[in-house]
Each structure stands twice: as structure tokens, then as C-alpha cells.
Amino acid sequence: MTDKKTRCGFVGIIGAPNAGKSTLVNQLVGTKVSIVSPKVQTTRVRVMGIVNHGEAQIVFVDTPGIFAPKKRLEKAMVAAAWQGMQDAEVTVLLADASKGYVNADTRAIIDRLKQRDRKVVLALNKIDMVKKEKLLELAAALNGEGIFTEIYMISALTGDGVQRLMNDIAARMPEGPWMFGEDQISDMPLRLLAAEITREKIFLQLGDELPYASTVETESWEEFDNGSVKVSQTIYVMRDTQKAIVLGKGGTRIKKIGQAAREDLEEMLERRVHLSIFVKVREKWTDDPARYAAWGLDFNS
């Protein structure tokens, strides 16, 4: 009796902002490894979610949304998304099907894929928000583009159709040894993951503009014998007026952000977390190459 051969490979998840890529990766992994908010461009860093499915280990790469970038940070994020596709054995284009048509950003992605003569898998997301007739029309139209090897209809939020997508992707993985341990669900360092969790809470707590002018750094991480951990973080904003918004009247808003982040971290780490958050002004943090390096982004993109 011979041992079963293992499989292992990378799967790049690309798509327009707010298509649901992070929600899909979290659904596939079975726990949160990528932050989620209703706002576009939430994901800044490349996030890898690791799934062991039968004999296959699948490394799902959640990438920043692809759009027409203008600022340096936006250009670096989009470049990272395309790179995530280049390094993958399988690429999944996730498209928001809720309106019954693809938006301009998704259209641009499809056109670029056609220019590159790149074959990818298409996953139509948010199918629970569109009538069946519209969905079938959209699928038929996109099938005519000639670049999609398979088309799946899913809801990343509810999990509808995701298991079939998982099964088929696992079968596509090339033979080879697993690259990560059986219990590992992400390659992201805990300090960076903790910073991302707090940044998610900023997106959820604040308005449309401020989250994009802020970043979070985990300054210290101290483990104790009783299993608990003490985490100190700094939220950096660009102006004093933004600092006042993050703090809130009497510090009420920063307390809500900290409490929500701590609860998520405790659930994720399965231990007690003592979280301290400070807010500081760093006017030009988006022009600091060190920040880009920490996120795995190319400052010169």
C-alpha cells in the first residue's frame, strides 16, 4: 500500500475593491485571517490563508482591490494585487454580481487579463442579492470573454457554493510537500495581524475619509506565564484634527475601538489580551518606505 501523494499550491484571489475577497478567504479558512469592512480598499497587505483540504494544502492569497490608482499607497497596493496573481498556480477573479453587471474596475481587470492572455477562474459573489435570471445572463455574458476556465456562483458571506469552489481548487493543486504546518492558518506575524484587527475597527467606527489617513503599528508584544499577552499599539494619523476624531469626546471613541479589537484578538488567540492604544500624528506616514516594507509593498511601484 503506497502513501497518498500530497498536493500544495498558491491561489491568488483578485478583484475590484469591495468584491468580497477578504470575506471569501475568511470563509475558506474557517476563521478570520483578513480584515473586513463595508468600505473599499480595506485590505492593504497581502494576506495568506492556509487550508488543509484532504491531501491538498491550499494557500489562498487575499490581495488589495484592483482599481485605477492615483496615490503612492494605492499604486503599491494594486501592484501587490497583480503580483499575487503572477505567483499563483490558480487565480480566482471574484466579481460582485449583486447588480447584475460588472462595474468599471472589474471590466478593466477582465480587459487586462485578456491582454495578457491569462486564463483564470471566475467566482460570481453575492448571488443571494441578485435575481436568478440576471445572474444567469451575467454568467453567460462573462463566459463569452474567453478567459474563464470555470465559473462559480457563490456567496462568500453565507458560504453558499464555496465548498464546491474549494473542492475543485484542491484538485488543481500540483503534487508536492506541504509548505506549512498542519495547524497554521496564516503566514502573517501576530504583531501585524493585531495591527490589522485594530485598523479594521477604525474603518468600522469612523467615517469615509479618516480610515484611509490612518495606520496602526504594534509597538510591543509581551507574553506572560499565565498565557495572557500585553499588546501596545499606536494609531498614526496625519493631522491633529484627525487625532481628535479618533480619540472622541473624553476618549470614548478610542475606548470603543480598543474594546472591539481586544475582543477579536482574544477570540482569535484564545487567551486574555491586555491592549493599550495610543494616537499620534505622523504627517507623512504614507511617504515612509519602512511602512511599505512592513506591509510587503513596493514603495516605488
C-alpha atoms as a PDB file:
ATOM      1  CA  MET A   1       0.000   0.000   0.000  1.00  0.00           C
ATOM      2  CA  THR A   2       1.510   3.308  -1.077  1.00  0.00           C
ATOM      3  CA  ASP A   3       1.174   6.580   0.762  1.00  0.00           C
ATOM      4  CA  LYS A   4      -1.154   9.134  -0.776  1.00  0.00           C
ATOM      5  CA  LYS A   5       0.638  11.928  -2.595  1.00  0.00           C
ATOM      6  CA  THR A   6       0.249  15.365  -1.082  1.00  0.00           C
ATOM      7  CA  ARG A   7      -0.555  18.488  -3.077  1.00  0.00           C
ATOM      8  CA  CYS A   8       0.289  22.098  -2.359  1.00  0.00           C
ATOM      9  CA  GLY A   9      -0.080  25.385  -4.188  1.00  0.00           C
ATOM     10  CA  PHE A  10      -0.981  29.061  -4.141  1.00  0.00           C
ATOM     11  CA  VAL A  11      -4.320  30.543  -5.173  1.00  0.00           C
ATOM     12  CA  GLY A  12      -4.489  34.276  -5.869  1.00  0.00           C
ATOM     13  CA  ILE A  13      -7.820  35.954  -5.122  1.00  0.00           C
ATOM     14  CA  ILE A  14      -8.090  39.152  -7.191  1.00  0.00           C
ATOM     15  CA  GLY A  15     -10.941  41.559  -7.839  1.00  0.00           C
ATOM     16  CA  ALA A  16     -12.206  45.103  -7.613  1.00  0.00           C
ATOM     17  CA  PRO A  17     -12.440  46.847  -4.232  1.00  0.00           C
ATOM     18  CA  ASN A  18     -15.295  45.558  -2.062  1.00  0.00           C
ATOM     19  CA  ALA A  19     -15.886  42.462  -4.192  1.00  0.00           C
ATOM     20  CA  GLY A  20     -15.683  40.372  -1.014  1.00  0.00           C
ATOM     21  CA  LYS A  21     -12.171  38.892  -1.317  1.00  0.00           C
ATOM     22  CA  SER A  22     -11.355  39.070   2.398  1.00  0.00           C
ATOM     23  CA  THR A  23     -14.754  37.636   3.317  1.00  0.00           C
ATOM     24  CA  LEU A  24     -14.157  34.752   0.911  1.00  0.00           C
ATOM     25  CA  VAL A  25     -10.682  33.988   2.277  1.00  0.00           C
ATOM     26  CA  ASN A  26     -12.022  34.016   5.845  1.00  0.00           C
ATOM     27  CA  GLN A  27     -14.856  31.705   4.766  1.00  0.00           C
ATOM     28  CA  LEU A  28     -12.429  29.302   3.082  1.00  0.00           C
ATOM     29  CA  VAL A  29     -10.039  29.242   6.060  1.00  0.00           C
ATOM     30  CA  GLY A  30     -12.864  28.967   8.577  1.00  0.00           C
ATOM     31  CA  THR A  31     -11.685  31.864  10.760  1.00  0.00           C
ATOM     32  CA  LYS A  32     -10.617  35.481  10.424  1.00  0.00           C
ATOM     33  CA  VAL A  33      -7.209  35.936   8.807  1.00  0.00           C
ATOM     34  CA  SER A  34      -8.084  39.040   6.776  1.00  0.00           C
ATOM     35  CA  ILE A  35      -9.874  42.169   7.973  1.00  0.00           C
ATOM     36  CA  VAL A  36     -13.268  43.092   6.567  1.00  0.00           C
ATOM     37  CA  SER A  37     -15.303  46.294   6.360  1.00  0.00           C
ATOM     38  CA  PRO A  38     -18.015  47.680   4.056  1.00  0.00           C
ATOM     39  CA  LYS A  39     -15.552  50.329   2.847  1.00  0.00           C
ATOM     40  CA  VAL A  40     -13.470  49.830  -0.286  1.00  0.00           C
ATOM     41  CA  GLN A  41      -9.692  49.368  -0.192  1.00  0.00           C
ATOM     42  CA  THR A  42      -9.722  47.961   3.348  1.00  0.00           C
ATOM     43  CA  THR A  43      -7.026  45.383   2.553  1.00  0.00           C
ATOM     44  CA  ARG A  44      -3.539  46.898   2.282  1.00  0.00           C
ATOM     45  CA  VAL A  45      -1.284  43.923   2.876  1.00  0.00           C
ATOM     46  CA  ARG A  46      -1.031  40.595   1.139  1.00  0.00           C
ATOM     47  CA  VAL A  47      -2.716  38.081   3.440  1.00  0.00           C
ATOM     48  CA  MET A  48      -2.224  34.332   3.110  1.00  0.00           C
ATOM     49  CA  GLY A  49      -4.895  31.992   4.439  1.00  0.00           C
ATOM     50  CA  ILE A  50      -3.808  28.350   4.685  1.00  0.00           C
ATOM     51  CA  VAL A  51      -6.295  25.499   4.265  1.00  0.00           C
ATOM     52  CA  ASN A  52      -5.628  21.760   4.524  1.00  0.00           C
ATOM     53  CA  HIS A  53      -8.246  20.033   2.384  1.00  0.00           C
ATOM     54  CA  GLY A  54      -7.821  16.275   2.122  1.00  0.00           C
ATOM     55  CA  GLU A  55      -4.335  15.632   0.759  1.00  0.00           C
ATOM     56  CA  ALA A  56      -4.033  19.212  -0.505  1.00  0.00           C
ATOM     57  CA  GLN A  57      -2.684  22.269   1.266  1.00  0.00           C
ATOM     58  CA  ILE A  58      -4.068  25.395  -0.376  1.00  0.00           C
ATOM     59  CA  VAL A  59      -2.542  28.793   0.289  1.00  0.00           C
ATOM     60  CA  PHE A  60      -5.145  31.450  -0.535  1.00  0.00           C
ATOM     61  CA  VAL A  61      -3.640  34.891  -1.140  1.00  0.00           C
ATOM     62  CA  ASP A  62      -6.009  37.771  -0.359  1.00  0.00           C
ATOM     63  CA  THR A  63      -4.847  40.841  -2.287  1.00  0.00           C
ATOM     64  CA  PRO A  64      -5.769  44.535  -2.218  1.00  0.00           C
ATOM     65  CA  GLY A  65      -8.572  45.546  -4.546  1.00  0.00           C
ATOM     66  CA  ILE A  66      -7.589  46.433  -8.110  1.00  0.00           C
ATOM     67  CA  PHE A  67      -8.710  49.852  -9.320  1.00  0.00           C
ATOM     68  CA  ALA A  68      -7.270  52.911 -11.077  1.00  0.00           C
ATOM     69  CA  PRO A  69      -4.714  54.125  -8.515  1.00  0.00           C
ATOM     70  CA  LYS A  70      -3.640  57.738  -8.067  1.00  0.00           C
ATOM     71  CA  LYS A  71      -1.673  57.992  -4.817  1.00  0.00           C
ATOM     72  CA  ARG A  72       1.600  56.206  -3.995  1.00  0.00           C
ATOM     73  CA  LEU A  73      -0.003  53.861  -1.478  1.00  0.00           C
ATOM     74  CA  GLU A  74      -2.795  52.990  -3.907  1.00  0.00           C
ATOM     75  CA  LYS A  75      -0.280  52.224  -6.675  1.00  0.00           C
ATOM     76  CA  ALA A  76       1.693  49.952  -4.338  1.00  0.00           C
ATOM     77  CA  MET A  77      -1.492  48.119  -3.305  1.00  0.00           C
ATOM     78  CA  VAL A  78      -2.579  47.496  -6.905  1.00  0.00           C
ATOM     79  CA  ALA A  79       0.920  46.343  -7.886  1.00  0.00           C
ATOM     80  CA  ALA A  80       0.838  43.848  -4.995  1.00  0.00           C
ATOM     81  CA  ALA A  81      -2.508  42.513  -6.198  1.00  0.00           C
ATOM     82  CA  TRP A  82      -1.200  41.795  -9.708  1.00  0.00           C
ATOM     83  CA  GLN A  83       1.930  40.215  -8.223  1.00  0.00           C
ATOM     84  CA  GLY A  84      -0.273  37.922  -6.144  1.00  0.00           C
ATOM     85  CA  MET A  85      -1.693  36.589  -9.405  1.00  0.00           C
ATOM     86  CA  GLN A  86       1.710  36.092 -11.020  1.00  0.00           C
ATOM     87  CA  ASP A  87       2.948  33.896  -8.163  1.00  0.00           C
ATOM     88  CA  ALA A  88      -0.157  31.661  -8.040  1.00  0.00           C
ATOM     89  CA  GLU A  89      -0.879  28.265  -9.597  1.00  0.00           C
ATOM     90  CA  VAL A  90      -4.546  29.245  -9.824  1.00  0.00           C
ATOM     91  CA  THR A  91      -6.066  32.731  -9.978  1.00  0.00           C
ATOM     92  CA  VAL A  92      -9.656  33.405  -8.957  1.00  0.00           C
ATOM     93  CA  LEU A  93     -11.276  36.616 -10.148  1.00  0.00           C
ATOM     94  CA  LEU A  94     -14.000  37.483  -7.631  1.00  0.00           C
ATOM     95  CA  ALA A  95     -16.714  39.683  -9.100  1.00  0.00           C
ATOM     96  CA  ASP A  96     -19.633  41.347  -7.342  1.00  0.00           C
ATOM     97  CA  ALA A  97     -22.745  40.030  -9.098  1.00  0.00           C
ATOM     98  CA  SER A  98     -25.280  41.821  -6.898  1.00  0.00           C
ATOM     99  CA  LYS A  99     -26.119  44.482  -9.507  1.00  0.00           C
ATOM    100  CA  GLY A 100     -26.451  42.021 -12.394  1.00  0.00           C
ATOM    101  CA  TYR A 101     -23.463  43.539 -14.182  1.00  0.00           C
ATOM    102  CA  VAL A 102     -19.755  44.087 -13.560  1.00  0.00           C
ATOM    103  CA  ASN A 103     -18.510  47.540 -12.560  1.00  0.00           C
ATOM    104  CA  ALA A 104     -15.845  49.571 -14.350  1.00  0.00           C
ATOM    105  CA  ASP A 105     -12.998  48.300 -12.155  1.00  0.00           C
ATOM    106  CA  THR A 106     -13.904  44.651 -12.814  1.00  0.00           C
ATOM    107  CA  ARG A 107     -14.275  45.410 -16.522  1.00  0.00           C
ATOM    108  CA  ALA A 108     -10.763  46.861 -16.535  1.00  0.00           C
ATOM    109  CA  ILE A 109      -9.382  43.751 -14.801  1.00  0.00           C
ATOM    110  CA  ILE A 110     -11.005  41.482 -17.388  1.00  0.00           C
ATOM    111  CA  ASP A 111      -9.586  43.574 -20.237  1.00  0.00           C
ATOM    112  CA  ARG A 112      -6.083  43.409 -18.752  1.00  0.00           C
ATOM    113  CA  LEU A 113      -6.344  39.648 -18.281  1.00  0.00           C
ATOM    114  CA  LYS A 114      -7.339  39.322 -21.933  1.00  0.00           C
ATOM    115  CA  GLN A 115      -4.353  41.435 -22.974  1.00  0.00           C
ATOM    116  CA  ARG A 116      -2.095  39.094 -21.016  1.00  0.00           C
ATOM    117  CA  ASP A 117      -3.869  36.046 -22.469  1.00  0.00           C
ATOM    118  CA  ARG A 118      -4.282  34.803 -18.899  1.00  0.00           C
ATOM    119  CA  LYS A 119      -6.830  32.086 -18.098  1.00  0.00           C
ATOM    120  CA  VAL A 120      -8.447  32.387 -14.652  1.00  0.00           C
ATOM    121  CA  VAL A 121     -11.328  31.042 -12.600  1.00  0.00           C
ATOM    122  CA  LEU A 122     -14.337  33.331 -12.172  1.00  0.00           C
ATOM    123  CA  ALA A 123     -16.364  33.411  -8.950  1.00  0.00           C
ATOM    124  CA  LEU A 124     -19.541  35.477  -9.062  1.00  0.00           C
ATOM    125  CA  ASN A 125     -20.116  36.658  -5.495  1.00  0.00           C
ATOM    126  CA  LYS A 126     -23.161  37.950  -3.605  1.00  0.00           C
ATOM    127  CA  ILE A 127     -25.536  35.728  -5.589  1.00  0.00           C
ATOM    128  CA  ASP A 128     -28.067  35.990  -2.760  1.00  0.00           C
ATOM    129  CA  MET A 129     -28.550  39.659  -3.706  1.00  0.00           C
ATOM    130  CA  VAL A 130     -29.494  39.242  -7.390  1.00  0.00           C
ATOM    131  CA  LYS A 131     -32.373  37.570  -9.239  1.00  0.00           C
ATOM    132  CA  LYS A 132     -31.552  34.225 -10.829  1.00  0.00           C
ATOM    133  CA  GLU A 133     -32.388  35.403 -14.351  1.00  0.00           C
ATOM    134  CA  LYS A 134     -29.998  38.350 -14.084  1.00  0.00           C
ATOM    135  CA  LEU A 135     -27.300  36.103 -12.627  1.00  0.00           C
ATOM    136  CA  LEU A 136     -27.566  33.594 -15.485  1.00  0.00           C
ATOM    137  CA  GLU A 137     -27.439  36.398 -18.053  1.00  0.00           C
ATOM    138  CA  LEU A 138     -24.320  37.811 -16.429  1.00  0.00           C
ATOM    139  CA  ALA A 139     -22.642  34.402 -16.288  1.00  0.00           C
ATOM    140  CA  ALA A 140     -23.397  33.771 -19.963  1.00  0.00           C
ATOM    141  CA  ALA A 141     -22.023  37.175 -20.975  1.00  0.00           C
ATOM    142  CA  LEU A 142     -18.822  36.705 -18.992  1.00  0.00           C
ATOM    143  CA  ASN A 143     -18.362  33.179 -20.314  1.00  0.00           C
ATOM    144  CA  GLY A 144     -18.130  34.761 -23.755  1.00  0.00           C
ATOM    145  CA  GLU A 145     -15.000  36.684 -22.711  1.00  0.00           C
ATOM    146  CA  GLY A 146     -12.968  33.541 -23.390  1.00  0.00           C
ATOM    147  CA  ILE A 147     -10.615  33.787 -20.392  1.00  0.00           C
ATOM    148  CA  PHE A 148     -12.531  31.887 -17.722  1.00  0.00           C
ATOM    149  CA  THR A 149     -11.817  28.171 -17.316  1.00  0.00           C
ATOM    150  CA  GLU A 150     -14.656  27.751 -14.802  1.00  0.00           C
ATOM    151  CA  ILE A 151     -17.446  29.950 -13.455  1.00  0.00           C
ATOM    152  CA  TYR A 152     -18.717  29.515  -9.894  1.00  0.00           C
ATOM    153  CA  MET A 153     -21.685  31.187  -8.252  1.00  0.00           C
ATOM    154  CA  ILE A 154     -21.104  31.818  -4.561  1.00  0.00           C
ATOM    155  CA  SER A 155     -21.936  33.867  -1.516  1.00  0.00           C
ATOM    156  CA  ALA A 156     -18.734  34.471   0.432  1.00  0.00           C
ATOM    157  CA  LEU A 157     -20.810  35.761   3.348  1.00  0.00           C
ATOM    158  CA  THR A 158     -23.136  32.756   3.749  1.00  0.00           C
ATOM    159  CA  GLY A 159     -20.802  30.123   2.328  1.00  0.00           C
ATOM    160  CA  ASP A 160     -23.230  29.114  -0.432  1.00  0.00           C
ATOM    161  CA  GLY A 161     -21.256  27.444  -3.253  1.00  0.00           C
ATOM    162  CA  VAL A 162     -17.901  27.915  -1.501  1.00  0.00           C
ATOM    163  CA  GLN A 163     -17.362  24.207  -0.751  1.00  0.00           C
ATOM    164  CA  ARG A 164     -17.599  23.302  -4.439  1.00  0.00           C
ATOM    165  CA  LEU A 165     -15.080  26.022  -5.254  1.00  0.00           C
ATOM    166  CA  MET A 166     -12.777  24.645  -2.544  1.00  0.00           C
ATOM    167  CA  ASN A 167     -13.062  21.046  -3.796  1.00  0.00           C
ATOM    168  CA  ASP A 168     -12.252  21.967  -7.381  1.00  0.00           C
ATOM    169  CA  ILE A 169      -9.323  24.191  -6.429  1.00  0.00           C
ATOM    170  CA  ALA A 170      -7.856  21.447  -4.223  1.00  0.00           C
ATOM    171  CA  ALA A 171      -7.917  19.078  -7.215  1.00  0.00           C
ATOM    172  CA  ARG A 172      -5.958  21.645  -9.250  1.00  0.00           C
ATOM    173  CA  MET A 173      -3.067  21.889  -6.799  1.00  0.00           C
ATOM    174  CA  PRO A 174       0.197  20.377  -8.064  1.00  0.00           C
ATOM    175  CA  GLU A 175       1.784  17.407  -6.331  1.00  0.00           C
ATOM    176  CA  GLY A 176       4.330  18.385  -3.714  1.00  0.00           C
ATOM    177  CA  PRO A 177       5.033  18.592   0.026  1.00  0.00           C
ATOM    178  CA  TRP A 178       3.062  20.922   2.292  1.00  0.00           C
ATOM    179  CA  MET A 179       4.850  24.202   2.969  1.00  0.00           C
ATOM    180  CA  PHE A 180       3.196  24.980   6.314  1.00  0.00           C
ATOM    181  CA  GLY A 181       2.356  23.089   9.495  1.00  0.00           C
ATOM    182  CA  GLU A 182      -0.999  21.361   9.854  1.00  0.00           C
ATOM    183  CA  ASP A 183      -2.274  23.871  12.436  1.00  0.00           C
ATOM    184  CA  GLN A 184      -1.040  27.057  10.716  1.00  0.00           C
ATOM    185  CA  ILE A 185      -3.795  29.222   9.218  1.00  0.00           C
ATOM    186  CA  SER A 186      -1.769  32.246   8.065  1.00  0.00           C
ATOM    187  CA  ASP A 187       1.780  33.405   7.485  1.00  0.00           C
ATOM    188  CA  MET A 188       1.092  36.849   8.932  1.00  0.00           C
ATOM    189  CA  PRO A 189       3.108  37.682  12.097  1.00  0.00           C
ATOM    190  CA  LEU A 190       0.874  38.151  15.143  1.00  0.00           C
ATOM    191  CA  ARG A 191       2.072  41.734  15.642  1.00  0.00           C
ATOM    192  CA  LEU A 192       0.963  42.687  12.137  1.00  0.00           C
ATOM    193  CA  LEU A 193      -2.289  40.742  12.425  1.00  0.00           C
ATOM    194  CA  ALA A 194      -3.086  42.553  15.681  1.00  0.00           C
ATOM    195  CA  ALA A 195      -2.436  45.913  13.996  1.00  0.00           C
ATOM    196  CA  GLU A 196      -4.728  44.931  11.126  1.00  0.00           C
ATOM    197  CA  ILE A 197      -7.501  43.961  13.553  1.00  0.00           C
ATOM    198  CA  THR A 198      -7.347  47.411  15.177  1.00  0.00           C
ATOM    199  CA  ARG A 199      -7.323  49.066  11.746  1.00  0.00           C
ATOM    200  CA  GLU A 200     -10.475  47.150  10.884  1.00  0.00           C
ATOM    201  CA  LYS A 201     -12.182  48.631  13.961  1.00  0.00           C
ATOM    202  CA  ILE A 202     -11.141  52.141  12.850  1.00  0.00           C
ATOM    203  CA  PHE A 203     -12.839  51.501   9.497  1.00  0.00           C
ATOM    204  CA  LEU A 204     -15.984  50.287  11.225  1.00  0.00           C
ATOM    205  CA  GLN A 205     -16.115  53.092  13.818  1.00  0.00           C
ATOM    206  CA  LEU A 206     -15.220  56.151  11.748  1.00  0.00           C
ATOM    207  CA  GLY A 207     -16.436  57.931   8.619  1.00  0.00           C
ATOM    208  CA  ASP A 208     -15.471  57.585   4.979  1.00  0.00           C
ATOM    209  CA  GLU A 209     -12.297  59.666   4.866  1.00  0.00           C
ATOM    210  CA  LEU A 210     -10.341  59.264   8.090  1.00  0.00           C
ATOM    211  CA  PRO A 211      -9.624  55.496   7.928  1.00  0.00           C
ATOM    212  CA  TYR A 212      -7.523  55.985   4.792  1.00  0.00           C
ATOM    213  CA  ALA A 213      -5.461  58.660   6.543  1.00  0.00           C
ATOM    214  CA  SER A 214      -4.605  56.323   9.416  1.00  0.00           C
ATOM    215  CA  THR A 215      -2.366  53.354  10.035  1.00  0.00           C
ATOM    216  CA  VAL A 216      -1.678  51.140  13.042  1.00  0.00           C
ATOM    217  CA  GLU A 217       1.606  49.764  14.364  1.00  0.00           C
ATOM    218  CA  THR A 218       2.099  47.201  17.114  1.00  0.00           C
ATOM    219  CA  GLU A 219       4.907  48.676  19.198  1.00  0.00           C
ATOM    220  CA  SER A 220       5.336  45.879  21.752  1.00  0.00           C
ATOM    221  CA  TRP A 221       4.140  42.333  22.435  1.00  0.00           C
ATOM    222  CA  GLU A 222       4.775  40.792  25.858  1.00  0.00           C
ATOM    223  CA  GLU A 223       3.806  37.227  26.773  1.00  0.00           C
ATOM    224  CA  PHE A 224       3.168  36.196  30.398  1.00  0.00           C
ATOM    225  CA  ASP A 225       3.464  32.867  32.221  1.00  0.00           C
ATOM    226  CA  ASN A 226      -0.304  32.712  32.779  1.00  0.00           C
ATOM    227  CA  GLY A 227      -0.856  32.667  28.999  1.00  0.00           C
ATOM    228  CA  SER A 228      -2.039  36.258  28.666  1.00  0.00           C
ATOM    229  CA  VAL A 229      -0.398  38.814  26.402  1.00  0.00           C
ATOM    230  CA  LYS A 230       0.138  42.570  26.712  1.00  0.00           C
ATOM    231  CA  VAL A 231      -0.030  44.470  23.422  1.00  0.00           C
ATOM    232  CA  SER A 232       0.811  48.138  22.893  1.00  0.00           C
ATOM    233  CA  GLN A 233      -0.206  49.839  19.655  1.00  0.00           C
ATOM    234  CA  THR A 234      -0.059  53.285  18.094  1.00  0.00           C
ATOM    235  CA  ILE A 235      -2.574  54.695  15.633  1.00  0.00           C
ATOM    236  CA  TYR A 236      -0.875  57.219  13.356  1.00  0.00           C
ATOM    237  CA  VAL A 237      -2.900  59.953  11.658  1.00  0.00           C
ATOM    238  CA  MET A 238      -1.841  62.896   9.502  1.00  0.00           C
ATOM    239  CA  ARG A 239      -3.292  65.883  11.397  1.00  0.00           C
ATOM    240  CA  ASP A 240      -4.234  66.968  14.923  1.00  0.00           C
ATOM    241  CA  THR A 241      -7.881  67.279  13.886  1.00  0.00           C
ATOM    242  CA  GLN A 242      -7.833  63.594  12.889  1.00  0.00           C
ATOM    243  CA  LYS A 243      -6.305  62.670  16.225  1.00  0.00           C
ATOM    244  CA  ALA A 244      -9.202  64.369  17.997  1.00  0.00           C
ATOM    245  CA  ILE A 245     -11.691  62.382  15.879  1.00  0.00           C
ATOM    246  CA  VAL A 246     -10.034  59.059  16.697  1.00  0.00           C
ATOM    247  CA  LEU A 247      -9.942  59.860  20.414  1.00  0.00           C
ATOM    248  CA  GLY A 248     -13.533  61.076  20.528  1.00  0.00           C
ATOM    249  CA  LYS A 249     -15.067  63.180  23.273  1.00  0.00           C
ATOM    250  CA  GLY A 250     -13.466  62.218  26.566  1.00  0.00           C
ATOM    251  CA  GLY A 251     -11.666  59.341  24.823  1.00  0.00           C
ATOM    252  CA  THR A 252     -14.937  57.487  24.180  1.00  0.00           C
ATOM    253  CA  ARG A 253     -14.219  56.502  20.579  1.00  0.00           C
ATOM    254  CA  ILE A 254     -10.725  55.143  21.155  1.00  0.00           C
ATOM    255  CA  LYS A 255     -12.122  53.085  24.042  1.00  0.00           C
ATOM    256  CA  LYS A 256     -14.715  51.530  21.696  1.00  0.00           C
ATOM    257  CA  ILE A 257     -12.053  50.818  19.074  1.00  0.00           C
ATOM    258  CA  GLY A 258      -9.790  49.237  21.694  1.00  0.00           C
ATOM    259  CA  GLN A 259     -12.542  47.125  23.237  1.00  0.00           C
ATOM    260  CA  ALA A 260     -13.674  45.756  19.856  1.00  0.00           C
ATOM    261  CA  ALA A 261     -10.080  44.995  18.825  1.00  0.00           C
ATOM    262  CA  ARG A 262      -9.300  43.302  22.144  1.00  0.00           C
ATOM    263  CA  GLU A 263     -12.394  41.083  21.909  1.00  0.00           C
ATOM    264  CA  ASP A 264     -11.438  39.949  18.402  1.00  0.00           C
ATOM    265  CA  LEU A 265      -7.861  39.272  19.439  1.00  0.00           C
ATOM    266  CA  GLU A 266      -8.935  37.262  22.483  1.00  0.00           C
ATOM    267  CA  GLU A 267     -11.245  35.147  20.349  1.00  0.00           C
ATOM    268  CA  MET A 268      -8.535  34.609  17.751  1.00  0.00           C
ATOM    269  CA  LEU A 269      -5.695  33.873  20.187  1.00  0.00           C
ATOM    270  CA  GLU A 270      -7.917  32.047  22.703  1.00  0.00           C
ATOM    271  CA  ARG A 271      -6.303  33.849  25.638  1.00  0.00           C
ATOM    272  CA  ARG A 272      -6.529  37.037  27.681  1.00  0.00           C
ATOM    273  CA  VAL A 273      -5.280  40.174  25.914  1.00  0.00           C
ATOM    274  CA  HIS A 274      -4.337  43.464  27.586  1.00  0.00           C
ATOM    275  CA  LEU A 275      -4.445  46.078  24.812  1.00  0.00           C
ATOM    276  CA  SER A 276      -3.189  49.657  25.076  1.00  0.00           C
ATOM    277  CA  ILE A 277      -3.677  52.045  22.151  1.00  0.00           C
ATOM    278  CA  PHE A 278      -2.155  55.496  21.696  1.00  0.00           C
ATOM    279  CA  VAL A 279      -2.852  58.024  18.954  1.00  0.00           C
ATOM    280  CA  LYS A 280      -0.088  60.120  17.414  1.00  0.00           C
ATOM    281  CA  VAL A 281       0.306  62.484  14.475  1.00  0.00           C
ATOM    282  CA  ARG A 282       2.763  61.496  11.729  1.00  0.00           C
ATOM    283  CA  GLU A 283       2.032  63.854   8.846  1.00  0.00           C
ATOM    284  CA  LYS A 284       3.695  61.948   6.011  1.00  0.00           C
ATOM    285  CA  TRP A 285       3.422  58.308   7.038  1.00  0.00           C
ATOM    286  CA  THR A 286       2.285  57.409   3.500  1.00  0.00           C
ATOM    287  CA  ASP A 287       5.722  58.549   2.230  1.00  0.00           C
ATOM    288  CA  ASP A 288       7.717  56.382   4.649  1.00  0.00           C
ATOM    289  CA  PRO A 289       9.394  53.433   2.836  1.00  0.00           C
ATOM    290  CA  ALA A 290       9.612  51.499   6.124  1.00  0.00           C
ATOM    291  CA  ARG A 291       5.816  51.322   6.334  1.00  0.00           C
ATOM    292  CA  TYR A 292       5.607  49.799   2.856  1.00  0.00           C
ATOM    293  CA  ALA A 293       8.300  47.248   3.667  1.00  0.00           C
ATOM    294  CA  ALA A 294       6.389  46.156   6.778  1.00  0.00           C
ATOM    295  CA  TRP A 295       3.288  45.544   4.646  1.00  0.00           C
ATOM    296  CA  GLY A 296       5.206  43.734   1.890  1.00  0.00           C
ATOM    297  CA  LEU A 297       4.512  46.552  -0.583  1.00  0.00           C
ATOM    298  CA  ASP A 298       6.912  48.091  -3.103  1.00  0.00           C
ATOM    299  CA  PHE A 299       7.425  51.761  -2.233  1.00  0.00           C
ATOM    300  CA  ASN A 300       8.499  52.503  -5.810  1.00  0.00           C
ATOM    301  CA  SER A 301       5.550  50.873  -7.578  1.00  0.00           C
END
